[in-house]
Amino acid sequence: MHISLLLVTALLLAGCATVPSRYIPKEVGSLNDADDSNILKVSISCKYPEMSIGEPIVFQVSIKNISSRPLWVPRNPDFFFTWIYPDGRHDSFVYEPQRDQFFTRTDSVRLRPGQKLTKSVSIRTYYFERKGITEFRAYLRTARNTNPELVPFWNGELASNSYGVKFSPKKKDGQDSTGSLTRTTPRPTSPTS
């Protein structure tokens, strides 16, 4: 009986030790946790890392050639975004990746070593329900190129750094999140590359 009790206690303690705690975003701004690659680096940044729920977030997503040779990438790359809400719940866009694609010089860019391509991506937040820090990450997904004239052409999936944005409750017309009257000034938008 005593041995059975010790065995059950040991199993419970071992089980509890292996259950990971739910990840909760805690940092505003960029985290240095992008996928480690010796060819490309994907990074995201945001001009306004603190905003009200309902305001669109505009991320600048950059693809940089960190290899020692030129390579081709799509001119208008597909980015799949995921995010973690302040309570630890995960969400994302719906995305159907292509398997193969015939890329041309018109829809591709040849990046020299050290050169980067930047694209603006806007995410609507009117359906976000939770105030606090939401952590975003972009994934570059590129189909396999079937055009033999454009080699080497990068394909696969690569994750950017995580980026925390702090959300306040939705603003009412003419009021900030505390209920005080405010004067709203439009924010300048970043140019699209």
C-alpha atoms as a PDB file:
ATOM      1  CA  MET A   1       0.000   0.000   0.000  1.00  0.00           C
ATOM      2  CA  HIS A   2       2.788   2.382   0.965  1.00  0.00           C
ATOM      3  CA  ILE A   3       4.710   1.603  -2.262  1.00  0.00           C
ATOM      4  CA  SER A   4       1.562   2.187  -4.377  1.00  0.00           C
ATOM      5  CA  LEU A   5       1.014   5.564  -2.745  1.00  0.00           C
ATOM      6  CA  LEU A   6       4.626   6.568  -3.429  1.00  0.00           C
ATOM      7  CA  LEU A   7       4.334   5.422  -7.055  1.00  0.00           C
ATOM      8  CA  VAL A   8       1.114   7.411  -7.637  1.00  0.00           C
ATOM      9  CA  THR A   9       2.660  10.513  -6.012  1.00  0.00           C
ATOM     10  CA  ALA A  10       5.799  10.169  -8.180  1.00  0.00           C
ATOM     11  CA  LEU A  11       3.698   9.850 -11.358  1.00  0.00           C
ATOM     12  CA  LEU A  12       1.623  12.914 -10.465  1.00  0.00           C
ATOM     13  CA  LEU A  13       4.721  14.976  -9.751  1.00  0.00           C
ATOM     14  CA  ALA A  14       6.388  13.826 -12.980  1.00  0.00           C
ATOM     15  CA  GLY A  15       3.222  14.670 -14.942  1.00  0.00           C
ATOM     16  CA  CYS A  16       2.967  18.119 -13.392  1.00  0.00           C
ATOM     17  CA  ALA A  17       6.600  18.836 -14.141  1.00  0.00           C
ATOM     18  CA  THR A  18       6.143  18.175 -17.877  1.00  0.00           C
ATOM     19  CA  VAL A  19       3.055  20.365 -18.422  1.00  0.00           C
ATOM     20  CA  PRO A  20       4.295  23.657 -19.921  1.00  0.00           C
ATOM     21  CA  SER A  21       2.730  26.876 -18.692  1.00  0.00           C
ATOM     22  CA  ARG A  22       0.790  28.933 -21.239  1.00  0.00           C
ATOM     23  CA  TYR A  23       2.936  31.560 -22.954  1.00  0.00           C
ATOM     24  CA  ILE A  24       1.755  35.128 -22.267  1.00  0.00           C
ATOM     25  CA  PRO A  25       3.240  38.029 -24.308  1.00  0.00           C
ATOM     26  CA  LYS A  26       5.081  40.496 -22.066  1.00  0.00           C
ATOM     27  CA  GLU A  27       7.235  42.748 -24.290  1.00  0.00           C
ATOM     28  CA  VAL A  28       6.309  45.654 -26.544  1.00  0.00           C
ATOM     29  CA  GLY A  29       8.382  45.968 -29.702  1.00  0.00           C
ATOM     30  CA  SER A  30      10.708  43.587 -31.491  1.00  0.00           C
ATOM     31  CA  LEU A  31      11.948  40.343 -29.985  1.00  0.00           C
ATOM     32  CA  ASN A  32      15.156  38.918 -31.417  1.00  0.00           C
ATOM     33  CA  ASP A  33      13.765  35.458 -32.227  1.00  0.00           C
ATOM     34  CA  ALA A  34      13.599  35.196 -36.030  1.00  0.00           C
ATOM     35  CA  ASP A  35      14.278  31.839 -37.678  1.00  0.00           C
ATOM     36  CA  ASP A  36      17.981  31.166 -37.974  1.00  0.00           C
ATOM     37  CA  SER A  37      18.872  30.997 -41.656  1.00  0.00           C
ATOM     38  CA  ASN A  38      22.117  31.567 -43.525  1.00  0.00           C
ATOM     39  CA  ILE A  39      20.284  32.646 -46.691  1.00  0.00           C
ATOM     40  CA  LEU A  40      17.431  35.042 -45.842  1.00  0.00           C
ATOM     41  CA  LYS A  41      16.299  36.963 -42.779  1.00  0.00           C
ATOM     42  CA  VAL A  42      12.677  38.051 -42.362  1.00  0.00           C
ATOM     43  CA  SER A  43      11.920  40.873 -39.934  1.00  0.00           C
ATOM     44  CA  ILE A  44       8.859  42.903 -38.970  1.00  0.00           C
ATOM     45  CA  SER A  45       8.590  46.340 -37.410  1.00  0.00           C
ATOM     46  CA  CYS A  46       5.770  48.731 -36.624  1.00  0.00           C
ATOM     47  CA  LYS A  47       5.893  52.513 -36.348  1.00  0.00           C
ATOM     48  CA  TYR A  48       3.232  52.594 -33.594  1.00  0.00           C
ATOM     49  CA  PRO A  49       3.652  49.699 -31.112  1.00  0.00           C
ATOM     50  CA  GLU A  50       0.905  51.109 -28.834  1.00  0.00           C
ATOM     51  CA  MET A  51      -2.595  51.652 -30.203  1.00  0.00           C
ATOM     52  CA  SER A  52      -6.317  51.269 -29.567  1.00  0.00           C
ATOM     53  CA  ILE A  53      -8.280  48.186 -30.557  1.00  0.00           C
ATOM     54  CA  GLY A  54      -9.888  48.923 -33.917  1.00  0.00           C
ATOM     55  CA  GLU A  55      -6.950  50.859 -35.359  1.00  0.00           C
ATOM     56  CA  PRO A  56      -5.220  49.003 -38.204  1.00  0.00           C
ATOM     57  CA  ILE A  57      -1.635  47.932 -37.570  1.00  0.00           C
ATOM     58  CA  VAL A  58       0.754  48.527 -40.461  1.00  0.00           C
ATOM     59  CA  PHE A  59       3.797  46.275 -40.314  1.00  0.00           C
ATOM     60  CA  GLN A  60       6.890  46.768 -42.431  1.00  0.00           C
ATOM     61  CA  VAL A  61       8.035  43.272 -43.402  1.00  0.00           C
ATOM     62  CA  SER A  62      11.577  42.981 -44.779  1.00  0.00           C
ATOM     63  CA  ILE A  63      13.320  40.112 -46.524  1.00  0.00           C
ATOM     64  CA  LYS A  64      17.106  40.501 -46.489  1.00  0.00           C
ATOM     65  CA  ASN A  65      19.607  38.401 -48.426  1.00  0.00           C
ATOM     66  CA  ILE A  66      22.190  37.442 -45.805  1.00  0.00           C
ATOM     67  CA  SER A  67      23.959  34.918 -48.025  1.00  0.00           C
ATOM     68  CA  SER A  68      27.111  35.522 -50.063  1.00  0.00           C
ATOM     69  CA  ARG A  69      25.429  35.146 -53.465  1.00  0.00           C
ATOM     70  CA  PRO A  70      22.503  36.756 -55.330  1.00  0.00           C
ATOM     71  CA  LEU A  71      19.161  34.966 -55.285  1.00  0.00           C
ATOM     72  CA  TRP A  72      15.642  35.447 -56.598  1.00  0.00           C
ATOM     73  CA  VAL A  73      12.542  36.035 -54.460  1.00  0.00           C
ATOM     74  CA  PRO A  74       8.942  36.956 -55.367  1.00  0.00           C
ATOM     75  CA  ARG A  75       8.436  40.685 -56.007  1.00  0.00           C
ATOM     76  CA  ASN A  76       5.164  40.549 -54.060  1.00  0.00           C
ATOM     77  CA  PRO A  77       5.818  37.821 -51.467  1.00  0.00           C
ATOM     78  CA  ASP A  78       3.086  36.097 -49.472  1.00  0.00           C
ATOM     79  CA  PHE A  79       3.235  36.575 -45.722  1.00  0.00           C
ATOM     80  CA  PHE A  80       1.209  34.499 -43.307  1.00  0.00           C
ATOM     81  CA  PHE A  81       0.673  36.266 -39.958  1.00  0.00           C
ATOM     82  CA  THR A  82       0.033  34.637 -36.595  1.00  0.00           C
ATOM     83  CA  TRP A  83      -0.498  36.312 -33.247  1.00  0.00           C
ATOM     84  CA  ILE A  84      -0.799  35.505 -29.563  1.00  0.00           C
ATOM     85  CA  TYR A  85      -3.394  37.463 -27.587  1.00  0.00           C
ATOM     86  CA  PRO A  86      -2.675  38.812 -24.060  1.00  0.00           C
ATOM     87  CA  ASP A  87      -4.349  35.717 -22.547  1.00  0.00           C
ATOM     88  CA  GLY A  88      -2.091  33.317 -24.497  1.00  0.00           C
ATOM     89  CA  ARG A  89      -4.658  32.303 -27.130  1.00  0.00           C
ATOM     90  CA  HIS A  90      -3.284  31.892 -30.683  1.00  0.00           C
ATOM     91  CA  ASP A  91      -4.899  33.175 -33.895  1.00  0.00           C
ATOM     92  CA  SER A  92      -3.909  33.695 -37.533  1.00  0.00           C
ATOM     93  CA  PHE A  93      -4.979  34.475 -41.080  1.00  0.00           C
ATOM     94  CA  VAL A  94      -6.329  31.668 -43.230  1.00  0.00           C
ATOM     95  CA  TYR A  95      -3.731  30.876 -45.875  1.00  0.00           C
ATOM     96  CA  GLU A  96      -3.499  28.296 -48.649  1.00  0.00           C
ATOM     97  CA  PRO A  97       0.111  27.937 -49.848  1.00  0.00           C
ATOM     98  CA  GLN A  98       0.885  27.085 -53.472  1.00  0.00           C
ATOM     99  CA  ARG A  99       3.130  24.114 -54.204  1.00  0.00           C
ATOM    100  CA  ASP A 100       4.723  25.117 -57.523  1.00  0.00           C
ATOM    101  CA  GLN A 101       4.696  28.352 -59.475  1.00  0.00           C
ATOM    102  CA  PHE A 102       6.261  29.619 -62.706  1.00  0.00           C
ATOM    103  CA  PHE A 103       7.889  32.914 -61.667  1.00  0.00           C
ATOM    104  CA  THR A 104       8.949  35.441 -64.320  1.00  0.00           C
ATOM    105  CA  ARG A 105      11.397  38.356 -64.151  1.00  0.00           C
ATOM    106  CA  THR A 106       8.384  40.683 -63.884  1.00  0.00           C
ATOM    107  CA  ASP A 107       7.029  39.056 -60.718  1.00  0.00           C
ATOM    108  CA  SER A 108      10.467  38.389 -59.156  1.00  0.00           C
ATOM    109  CA  VAL A 109      13.367  40.371 -57.702  1.00  0.00           C
ATOM    110  CA  ARG A 110      17.037  39.397 -57.648  1.00  0.00           C
ATOM    111  CA  LEU A 111      18.465  40.353 -54.256  1.00  0.00           C
ATOM    112  CA  ARG A 112      22.209  40.878 -54.081  1.00  0.00           C
ATOM    113  CA  PRO A 113      24.004  39.993 -50.815  1.00  0.00           C
ATOM    114  CA  GLY A 114      22.947  42.503 -48.139  1.00  0.00           C
ATOM    115  CA  GLN A 115      20.036  43.841 -50.213  1.00  0.00           C
ATOM    116  CA  LYS A 116      16.478  43.729 -48.859  1.00  0.00           C
ATOM    117  CA  LEU A 117      12.906  43.958 -50.076  1.00  0.00           C
ATOM    118  CA  THR A 118      10.290  45.632 -47.839  1.00  0.00           C
ATOM    119  CA  LYS A 119       6.517  45.351 -48.008  1.00  0.00           C
ATOM    120  CA  SER A 120       3.770  46.981 -45.911  1.00  0.00           C
ATOM    121  CA  VAL A 121       1.133  44.643 -44.498  1.00  0.00           C
ATOM    122  CA  SER A 122      -1.948  45.987 -42.731  1.00  0.00           C
ATOM    123  CA  ILE A 123      -3.865  43.976 -40.122  1.00  0.00           C
ATOM    124  CA  ARG A 124      -7.357  45.072 -39.078  1.00  0.00           C
ATOM    125  CA  THR A 125      -7.964  44.863 -35.318  1.00  0.00           C
ATOM    126  CA  TYR A 126     -11.642  45.775 -34.979  1.00  0.00           C
ATOM    127  CA  TYR A 127     -12.415  42.193 -33.917  1.00  0.00           C
ATOM    128  CA  PHE A 128      -9.666  42.063 -31.249  1.00  0.00           C
ATOM    129  CA  GLU A 129     -11.355  41.798 -27.860  1.00  0.00           C
ATOM    130  CA  ARG A 130      -8.451  41.847 -25.430  1.00  0.00           C
ATOM    131  CA  LYS A 131      -6.490  44.831 -24.182  1.00  0.00           C
ATOM    132  CA  GLY A 132      -2.832  44.262 -23.364  1.00  0.00           C
ATOM    133  CA  ILE A 133       0.126  43.024 -25.414  1.00  0.00           C
ATOM    134  CA  THR A 134      -0.533  40.940 -28.524  1.00  0.00           C
ATOM    135  CA  GLU A 135       2.527  39.359 -30.114  1.00  0.00           C
ATOM    136  CA  PHE A 136       2.704  39.075 -33.927  1.00  0.00           C
ATOM    137  CA  ARG A 137       4.937  37.019 -36.202  1.00  0.00           C
ATOM    138  CA  ALA A 138       5.121  36.877 -40.014  1.00  0.00           C
ATOM    139  CA  TYR A 139       5.975  33.792 -42.042  1.00  0.00           C
ATOM    140  CA  LEU A 140       7.389  34.122 -45.543  1.00  0.00           C
ATOM    141  CA  ARG A 141       6.037  31.284 -47.667  1.00  0.00           C
ATOM    142  CA  THR A 142       7.223  30.837 -51.225  1.00  0.00           C
ATOM    143  CA  ALA A 143       6.258  28.153 -53.709  1.00  0.00           C
ATOM    144  CA  ARG A 144       8.880  26.182 -55.610  1.00  0.00           C
ATOM    145  CA  ASN A 145       9.865  28.042 -58.791  1.00  0.00           C
ATOM    146  CA  THR A 146       9.495  26.035 -62.017  1.00  0.00           C
ATOM    147  CA  ASN A 147      11.226  28.616 -64.251  1.00  0.00           C
ATOM    148  CA  PRO A 148      14.787  27.339 -64.925  1.00  0.00           C
ATOM    149  CA  GLU A 149      15.944  30.838 -65.998  1.00  0.00           C
ATOM    150  CA  LEU A 150      15.652  32.232 -62.463  1.00  0.00           C
ATOM    151  CA  VAL A 151      18.182  30.352 -60.353  1.00  0.00           C
ATOM    152  CA  PRO A 152      18.792  30.201 -57.494  1.00  0.00           C
ATOM    153  CA  PHE A 153      15.237  30.990 -56.389  1.00  0.00           C
ATOM    154  CA  TRP A 154      14.417  30.806 -52.688  1.00  0.00           C
ATOM    155  CA  ASN A 155      11.442  28.686 -51.657  1.00  0.00           C
ATOM    156  CA  GLY A 156      10.116  27.340 -48.383  1.00  0.00           C
ATOM    157  CA  GLU A 157       8.957  28.898 -45.122  1.00  0.00           C
ATOM    158  CA  LEU A 158      10.805  31.271 -42.808  1.00  0.00           C
ATOM    159  CA  ALA A 159       9.548  33.000 -39.624  1.00  0.00           C
ATOM    160  CA  SER A 160      10.229  36.612 -38.731  1.00  0.00           C
ATOM    161  CA  ASN A 161      10.991  37.992 -35.306  1.00  0.00           C
ATOM    162  CA  SER A 162       8.043  38.336 -32.917  1.00  0.00           C
ATOM    163  CA  TYR A 163       6.704  41.850 -32.367  1.00  0.00           C
ATOM    164  CA  GLY A 164       4.583  42.918 -29.384  1.00  0.00           C
ATOM    165  CA  VAL A 165       1.892  45.582 -29.804  1.00  0.00           C
ATOM    166  CA  LYS A 166       0.121  47.020 -26.749  1.00  0.00           C
ATOM    167  CA  PHE A 167      -3.619  47.524 -27.252  1.00  0.00           C
ATOM    168  CA  SER A 168      -5.871  49.827 -25.234  1.00  0.00           C
ATOM    169  CA  PRO A 169      -9.680  49.538 -25.243  1.00  0.00           C
ATOM    170  CA  LYS A 170     -11.509  50.903 -28.299  1.00  0.00           C
ATOM    171  CA  LYS A 171     -11.745  54.669 -28.461  1.00  0.00           C
ATOM    172  CA  LYS A 172     -15.147  56.306 -28.616  1.00  0.00           C
ATOM    173  CA  ASP A 173     -15.448  59.187 -31.067  1.00  0.00           C
ATOM    174  CA  GLY A 174     -13.483  62.086 -29.646  1.00  0.00           C
ATOM    175  CA  GLN A 175     -12.412  60.228 -26.480  1.00  0.00           C
ATOM    176  CA  ASP A 176      -9.355  58.293 -25.457  1.00  0.00           C
ATOM    177  CA  SER A 177      -9.535  54.952 -23.600  1.00  0.00           C
ATOM    178  CA  THR A 178      -9.991  56.736 -20.234  1.00  0.00           C
ATOM    179  CA  GLY A 179     -13.020  58.707 -21.454  1.00  0.00           C
ATOM    180  CA  SER A 180     -11.184  62.059 -21.738  1.00  0.00           C
ATOM    181  CA  LEU A 181     -11.810  64.183 -24.796  1.00  0.00           C
ATOM    182  CA  THR A 182      -9.008  64.053 -27.320  1.00  0.00           C
ATOM    183  CA  ARG A 183      -8.197  65.672 -30.613  1.00  0.00           C
ATOM    184  CA  THR A 184      -7.520  63.006 -33.208  1.00  0.00           C
ATOM    185  CA  THR A 185      -4.770  63.611 -35.690  1.00  0.00           C
ATOM    186  CA  PRO A 186      -4.259  61.235 -38.591  1.00  0.00           C
ATOM    187  CA  ARG A 187      -1.071  59.226 -38.383  1.00  0.00           C
ATOM    188  CA  PRO A 188       1.257  59.357 -41.362  1.00  0.00           C
ATOM    189  CA  THR A 189       1.418  56.110 -43.278  1.00  0.00           C
ATOM    190  CA  SER A 190       4.666  54.504 -44.284  1.00  0.00           C
ATOM    191  CA  PRO A 191       5.396  54.286 -47.999  1.00  0.00           C
ATOM    192  CA  THR A 192       4.962  50.871 -49.554  1.00  0.00           C
ATOM    193  CA  SER A 193       8.051  49.376 -51.140  1.00  0.00           C
END
